């Protein structure tokens, strides 16, 4: 884990999860706080990527059309 992330201030959160799920996690030695943080980080990353793709969709489509019509940039200078 990145030491900057490990040193970040933490705040308590009240969550409600199924008792059986909590018990299974505890029996397996799963750290709920750490697992939740990792899962949230992954979900945040996924959603930020989707937002970026949505915000840049027109530019990506324009670039793909250009490559489709004219080929990749500098293709004429390739030696392979």
Protein backbone atom coordinates (compact mmCIF):
# COMPACT_ATOMS: atom_id res chain seq x y z
CA UNK A 1 0.00 0.00 0.00
CA UNK A 2 1.22 3.48 -0.79
CA UNK A 3 2.45 5.18 2.41
CA UNK A 4 0.63 8.39 1.45
CA UNK A 5 -2.64 6.49 1.35
CA UNK A 6 -1.87 4.64 4.58
CA UNK A 7 -1.23 7.96 6.36
CA UNK A 8 -4.51 9.54 5.21
CA UNK A 9 -6.96 10.47 7.92
CA UNK A 10 -9.73 7.96 8.37
CA UNK A 11 -13.25 8.60 9.54
CA UNK A 12 -15.76 6.20 11.06
CA UNK A 13 -18.63 5.04 8.87
CA UNK A 14 -21.78 3.30 10.01
CA UNK A 15 -22.69 0.47 7.61
CA UNK A 16 -25.30 -2.20 7.63
CA UNK A 17 -24.46 -5.53 6.05
CA UNK A 18 -25.97 -8.99 6.31
CA UNK A 19 -24.97 -10.67 9.59
CA UNK A 20 -24.07 -13.94 7.86
CA UNK A 21 -21.78 -12.09 5.47
CA UNK A 22 -20.07 -10.26 8.34
CA UNK A 23 -19.65 -13.52 10.27
CA UNK A 24 -18.12 -15.32 7.29
CA UNK A 25 -15.70 -12.45 6.71
CA UNK A 26 -14.69 -12.42 10.37
CA UNK A 27 -14.19 -16.22 10.38
CA UNK A 28 -11.94 -15.90 7.31
CA UNK A 29 -9.94 -13.09 8.88
CA UNK A 30 -11.06 -10.51 6.32
CA UNK A 31 -10.45 -6.92 7.37
CA UNK A 32 -13.76 -5.25 6.51
CA UNK A 33 -12.40 -1.69 6.52
CA UNK A 34 -9.48 -2.54 4.24
CA UNK A 35 -11.65 -4.63 1.91
CA UNK A 36 -14.26 -1.87 1.65
CA UNK A 37 -11.58 0.76 0.92
CA UNK A 38 -10.04 -1.39 -1.82
CA UNK A 39 -13.43 -2.16 -3.33
CA UNK A 40 -14.47 1.51 -3.25
CA UNK A 41 -11.19 2.57 -4.85
CA UNK A 42 -11.78 0.09 -7.67
CA UNK A 43 -15.37 1.22 -8.19
CA UNK A 44 -14.36 4.90 -8.14
CA UNK A 45 -11.62 4.21 -10.71
CA UNK A 46 -14.10 2.32 -12.92
CA UNK A 47 -16.67 5.12 -12.79
CA UNK A 48 -14.08 7.83 -13.41
CA UNK A 49 -12.91 5.89 -16.48
CA UNK A 50 -16.50 5.66 -17.74
CA UNK A 51 -16.98 9.40 -17.18
CA UNK A 52 -13.73 10.14 -19.04
CA UNK A 53 -14.80 7.96 -21.96
CA UNK A 54 -18.21 9.65 -22.01
CA UNK A 55 -16.65 13.14 -21.92
CA UNK A 56 -14.18 12.27 -24.69
CA UNK A 57 -16.40 10.05 -26.86
CA UNK A 58 -16.67 12.57 -29.71
CA UNK A 59 -12.90 13.08 -29.89
CA UNK A 60 -12.24 9.33 -29.75
CA UNK A 61 -14.75 8.67 -32.54
CA UNK A 62 -13.27 11.47 -34.66
CA UNK A 63 -9.78 10.09 -34.19
CA UNK A 64 -10.90 6.56 -35.07
CA UNK A 65 -12.63 7.87 -38.23
CA UNK A 66 -9.47 9.73 -39.22
CA UNK A 67 -7.31 6.63 -38.73
CA UNK A 68 -9.82 4.54 -40.63
CA UNK A 69 -9.84 6.97 -43.57
CA UNK A 70 -6.16 8.01 -43.67
CA UNK A 71 -4.32 5.38 -41.66
CA UNK A 72 -2.24 5.97 -38.56
CA UNK A 73 -0.21 9.14 -38.22
CA UNK A 74 3.27 8.85 -39.74
CA UNK A 75 2.40 5.47 -41.33
CA UNK A 76 4.27 6.53 -44.48
CA UNK A 77 7.51 6.64 -42.50
CA UNK A 78 7.27 3.13 -41.04
CA UNK A 79 9.99 0.72 -42.09
CA UNK A 80 8.09 -2.41 -41.11
